[in-house]
C-alpha atoms as a PDB file:
ATOM      1  CA  MET A   1     119.470   9.590  87.755  1.00  0.00           C
ATOM      2  CA  SER A   2     117.699   6.408  86.648  1.00  0.00           C
ATOM      3  CA  TYR A   3     114.729   4.883  88.388  1.00  0.00           C
ATOM      4  CA  MET A   4     112.518   1.845  87.928  1.00  0.00           C
ATOM      5  CA  VAL A   5     108.751   2.014  87.240  1.00  0.00           C
ATOM      6  CA  ARG A   6     106.431  -0.979  87.619  1.00  0.00           C
ATOM      7  CA  SER A   7     102.669  -0.988  86.974  1.00  0.00           C
ATOM      8  CA  TRP A   8      99.655  -3.167  87.803  1.00  0.00           C
ATOM      9  CA  ILE A   9      95.972  -2.907  87.029  1.00  0.00           C
ATOM     10  CA  GLU A  10      93.597  -3.280  89.944  1.00  0.00           C
ATOM     11  CA  PHE A  11      90.305  -4.867  88.859  1.00  0.00           C
ATOM     12  CA  HIS A  12      88.502  -3.282  91.817  1.00  0.00           C
ATOM     13  CA  ASP A  13      88.048   0.406  90.948  1.00  0.00           C
ATOM     14  CA  SER A  14      88.237  -0.379  87.203  1.00  0.00           C
ATOM     15  CA  HIS A  15      85.376   0.111  84.741  1.00  0.00           C
ATOM     16  CA  LEU A  16      84.361  -2.440  82.086  1.00  0.00           C
ATOM     17  CA  ASP A  17      83.575  -0.516  78.896  1.00  0.00           C
ATOM     18  CA  ALA A  18      83.009  -3.337  76.398  1.00  0.00           C
ATOM     19  CA  ILE A  19      83.695  -6.914  75.387  1.00  0.00           C
ATOM     20  CA  ALA A  20      84.281  -7.599  71.690  1.00  0.00           C
ATOM     21  CA  MET A  21      84.205 -11.137  70.299  1.00  0.00           C
ATOM     22  CA  SER A  22      85.903 -12.233  67.080  1.00  0.00           C
ATOM     23  CA  SER A  23      86.843 -15.497  65.447  1.00  0.00           C
ATOM     24  CA  ASP A  24      90.243 -15.206  67.198  1.00  0.00           C
ATOM     25  CA  GLY A  25      88.925 -14.621  70.709  1.00  0.00           C
ATOM     26  CA  ALA A  26      87.767 -11.864  73.015  1.00  0.00           C
ATOM     27  CA  SER A  27      88.933  -8.324  73.736  1.00  0.00           C
ATOM     28  CA  VAL A  28      87.930  -6.888  77.101  1.00  0.00           C
ATOM     29  CA  HIS A  29      88.143  -3.088  77.211  1.00  0.00           C
ATOM     30  CA  LEU A  30      88.635  -1.438  80.588  1.00  0.00           C
ATOM     31  CA  ARG A  31      89.167   2.004  81.989  1.00  0.00           C
ATOM     32  CA  ALA A  32      91.537   0.440  84.471  1.00  0.00           C
ATOM     33  CA  TYR A  33      92.728   1.719  87.795  1.00  0.00           C
ATOM     34  CA  VAL A  34      96.511   1.428  87.443  1.00  0.00           C
ATOM     35  CA  HIS A  35      99.005   1.353  90.309  1.00  0.00           C
ATOM     36  CA  ARG A  36     102.397   2.766  89.297  1.00  0.00           C
ATOM     37  CA  TRP A  37     105.325   2.229  91.607  1.00  0.00           C
ATOM     38  CA  GLU A  38     108.569   4.141  91.073  1.00  0.00           C
ATOM     39  CA  ARG A  39     111.794   3.310  92.862  1.00  0.00           C
ATOM     40  CA  ARG A  40     113.280   6.615  94.003  1.00  0.00           C
ATOM     41  CA  ASP A  41     116.212   6.957  96.377  1.00  0.00           C
ATOM     42  CA  GLY A  42     115.770   3.367  97.590  1.00  0.00           C
ATOM     43  CA  GLU A  43     112.020   3.677  98.262  1.00  0.00           C
ATOM     44  CA  TRP A  44     108.955   2.623  96.250  1.00  0.00           C
ATOM     45  CA  VAL A  45     106.573   5.569  95.661  1.00  0.00           C
ATOM     46  CA  GLY A  46     103.053   4.704  94.468  1.00  0.00           C
ATOM     47  CA  THR A  47     100.523   6.636  92.398  1.00  0.00           C
ATOM     48  CA  GLY A  48      97.088   5.720  91.033  1.00  0.00           C
ATOM     49  CA  TRP A  49      95.978   6.391  87.456  1.00  0.00           C
ATOM     50  CA  ILE A  50      92.988   5.736  85.190  1.00  0.00           C
ATOM     51  CA  GLN A  51      94.082   4.322  81.827  1.00  0.00           C
ATOM     52  CA  PRO A  52      92.460   2.496  78.906  1.00  0.00           C
ATOM     53  CA  VAL A  53      93.605  -1.139  78.954  1.00  0.00           C
ATOM     54  CA  THR A  54      92.693  -4.084  76.741  1.00  0.00           C
ATOM     55  CA  ILE A  55      92.788  -7.715  77.842  1.00  0.00           C
ATOM     56  CA  THR A  56      92.948  -9.986  74.795  1.00  0.00           C
ATOM     57  CA  VAL A  57      92.255 -13.704  75.154  1.00  0.00           C
ATOM     58  CA  ARG A  58      92.845 -16.087  72.277  1.00  0.00           C
ATOM     59  CA  THR A  59      89.918 -18.456  72.576  1.00  0.00           C
ATOM     60  CA  SER A  60      87.151 -20.251  70.761  1.00  0.00           C
ATOM     61  CA  PRO A  61      84.177 -17.919  70.339  1.00  0.00           C
ATOM     62  CA  GLY A  62      81.626 -18.486  73.046  1.00  0.00           C
ATOM     63  CA  PRO A  63      78.885 -16.758  75.010  1.00  0.00           C
ATOM     64  CA  VAL A  64      80.904 -14.102  76.850  1.00  0.00           C
ATOM     65  CA  ALA A  65      79.219 -10.786  76.026  1.00  0.00           C
ATOM     66  CA  THR A  66      77.317  -8.899  78.670  1.00  0.00           C
ATOM     67  CA  ARG A  67      74.560  -6.372  78.173  1.00  0.00           C
ATOM     68  CA  GLU A  68      75.698  -4.713  81.345  1.00  0.00           C
ATOM     69  CA  THR A  69      78.455  -2.546  79.875  1.00  0.00           C
ATOM     70  CA  PRO A  70      79.572   0.000  80.785  1.00  0.00           C
ATOM     71  CA  VAL A  71      79.754  -1.103  84.429  1.00  0.00           C
ATOM     72  CA  ASP A  72      82.165  -1.019  87.375  1.00  0.00           C
ATOM     73  CA  VAL A  73      84.194  -4.107  88.239  1.00  0.00           C
ATOM     74  CA  TRP A  74      84.008  -5.342  91.829  1.00  0.00           C
ATOM     75  CA  VAL A  75      86.885  -7.867  91.649  1.00  0.00           C
ATOM     76  CA  GLY A  76      88.706  -9.976  89.092  1.00  0.00           C
ATOM     77  CA  SER A  77      91.543 -12.365  88.372  1.00  0.00           C
ATOM     78  CA  ILE A  78      93.693 -13.748  85.576  1.00  0.00           C
ATOM     79  CA  ARG A  79      94.857 -17.351  85.781  1.00  0.00           C
ATOM     80  CA  VAL A  80      97.499 -18.898  83.516  1.00  0.00           C
ATOM     81  CA  ASP A  81      98.002 -22.587  84.306  1.00  0.00           C
ATOM     82  CA  GLU A  82      98.590 -22.683  88.085  1.00  0.00           C
ATOM     83  CA  THR A  83      99.562 -19.000  88.485  1.00  0.00           C
ATOM     84  CA  VAL A  84      96.726 -16.754  89.643  1.00  0.00           C
ATOM     85  CA  HIS A  85      96.793 -12.950  89.780  1.00  0.00           C
ATOM     86  CA  ASN A  86      93.959 -11.904  92.100  1.00  0.00           C
ATOM     87  CA  ASN A  87      92.813  -8.315  91.676  1.00  0.00           C
ATOM     88  CA  LEU A  88      96.324  -6.956  90.846  1.00  0.00           C
ATOM     89  CA  VAL A  89      97.801  -7.943  87.463  1.00  0.00           C
ATOM     90  CA  PRO A  90     101.123  -6.690  86.079  1.00  0.00           C
ATOM     91  CA  LEU A  91     100.864  -4.202  83.217  1.00  0.00           C
ATOM     92  CA  PRO A  92     101.895  -5.171  80.581  1.00  0.00           C
ATOM     93  CA  PHE A  93     101.188  -8.887  80.988  1.00  0.00           C
ATOM     94  CA  GLU A  94     101.364 -11.893  78.685  1.00  0.00           C
ATOM     95  CA  GLY A  95     100.732 -15.570  79.339  1.00  0.00           C
ATOM     96  CA  THR A  96     100.318 -18.798  77.409  1.00  0.00           C
ATOM     97  CA  GLY A  97      98.682 -21.948  78.748  1.00  0.00           C
ATOM     98  CA  ALA A  98      95.303 -22.661  80.302  1.00  0.00           C
ATOM     99  CA  VAL A  99      93.977 -19.084  80.604  1.00  0.00           C
ATOM    100  CA  ARG A 100      90.943 -17.940  82.547  1.00  0.00           C
ATOM    101  CA  VAL A 101      89.923 -14.300  83.057  1.00  0.00           C
ATOM    102  CA  VAL A 102      87.133 -13.742  85.594  1.00  0.00           C
ATOM    103  CA  MET A 103      85.501 -10.445  86.569  1.00  0.00           C
ATOM    104  CA  GLU A 104      82.690  -9.972  89.053  1.00  0.00           C
ATOM    105  CA  LEU A 105      80.761  -6.793  88.303  1.00  0.00           C
ATOM    106  CA  ILE A 106      79.174  -4.556  90.941  1.00  0.00           C
ATOM    107  CA  THR A 107      75.809  -5.825  89.660  1.00  0.00           C
ATOM    108  CA  GLY A 108      76.728  -9.367  90.761  1.00  0.00           C
ATOM    109  CA  ALA A 109      77.131 -10.625  87.192  1.00  0.00           C
ATOM    110  CA  VAL A 110      80.268 -12.670  86.505  1.00  0.00           C
ATOM    111  CA  ILE A 111      82.187 -12.466  83.217  1.00  0.00           C
ATOM    112  CA  GLU A 112      84.478 -15.392  82.330  1.00  0.00           C
ATOM    113  CA  VAL A 113      86.731 -15.766  79.304  1.00  0.00           C
ATOM    114  CA  ALA A 114      88.886 -18.858  78.789  1.00  0.00           C
ATOM    115  CA  GLY A 115      91.521 -19.622  76.206  1.00  0.00           C
ATOM    116  CA  ASP A 116      95.152 -20.513  75.625  1.00  0.00           C
ATOM    117  CA  GLN A 117      96.828 -17.077  75.503  1.00  0.00           C
ATOM    118  CA  VAL A 118      96.268 -13.727  77.224  1.00  0.00           C
ATOM    119  CA  THR A 119      97.776 -10.272  76.838  1.00  0.00           C
ATOM    120  CA  LEU A 120      97.073  -7.178  78.876  1.00  0.00           C
ATOM    121  CA  ALA A 121      98.225  -3.855  77.418  1.00  0.00           C
ATOM    122  CA  ALA A 122      97.671  -0.142  77.934  1.00  0.00           C
ATOM    123  CA  THR A 123      95.871   1.292  74.910  1.00  0.00           C
ATOM    124  CA  GLY A 124      95.739   5.000  75.712  1.00  0.00           C
ATOM    125  CA  ASP A 125      96.970   7.832  77.866  1.00  0.00           C
ATOM    126  CA  ALA A 126      96.813   7.676  81.662  1.00  0.00           C
ATOM    127  CA  ARG A 127      95.211  10.305  83.902  1.00  0.00           C
ATOM    128  CA  PHE A 128      96.613  10.835  87.420  1.00  0.00           C
ATOM    129  CA  VAL A 129      94.098  10.184  90.219  1.00  0.00           C
ATOM    130  CA  GLU A 130      95.927   9.979  93.553  1.00  0.00           C
ATOM    131  CA  ASN A 131      98.970   8.962  95.543  1.00  0.00           C
ATOM    132  CA  VAL A 132      98.905   5.320  96.690  1.00  0.00           C
ATOM    133  CA  PRO A 133      99.930   4.578 100.285  1.00  0.00           C
ATOM    134  CA  ALA A 134     103.022   2.424 100.873  1.00  0.00           C
ATOM    135  CA  ASP A 135     100.958  -0.278 102.633  1.00  0.00           C
ATOM    136  CA  LEU A 136      99.478  -1.155  99.200  1.00  0.00           C
ATOM    137  CA  LEU A 137     102.906  -2.031  97.785  1.00  0.00           C
ATOM    138  CA  PRO A 138     102.474  -5.262  95.767  1.00  0.00           C
ATOM    139  CA  PRO A 139     103.976  -8.311  97.514  1.00  0.00           C
ATOM    140  CA  ASP A 140     106.516  -9.033  94.772  1.00  0.00           C
ATOM    141  CA  LEU A 141     107.956  -5.498  95.073  1.00  0.00           C
ATOM    142  CA  ASN A 142     107.944  -5.759  98.851  1.00  0.00           C
ATOM    143  CA  ALA A 143     109.973  -8.971  98.583  1.00  0.00           C
ATOM    144  CA  SER A 144     112.466  -7.365  96.202  1.00  0.00           C
ATOM    145  CA  GLN A 145     113.259  -4.101  97.942  1.00  0.00           C
ATOM    146  CA  THR A 146     116.645  -3.993  96.258  1.00  0.00           C
ATOM    147  CA  SER A 147     115.354  -4.385  92.675  1.00  0.00           C
END
């Protein structure tokens, strides 16, 4: 029996571990809260996981670093041109264009990284946390119940 699995990171409930700057851009390292949705017998079943994830933004070096790491993330978004992913971002994710990654930390500090390309990728093993209720099904899965 085959089934489909789709994943998203949720900025809220994630933990910012570090931000590393290089001449190529910025790497944002999270212990992300990941929603996994599996299509089983015609229904989406959700689970929550903690997993290391890196967001890489190709950008000009700039003042991005925070002394506040490690710290919990309150909310965040990734924007590529006119498309905005608020709080939930597909995993993996890749975009090219006018990129802006914004995270508000629980301390009130805001981290912003801008550039022209972004990738979001899992970088380690996931640890199961909990089942996710069906009312948190992402809107694009809800709209495609037959996918």
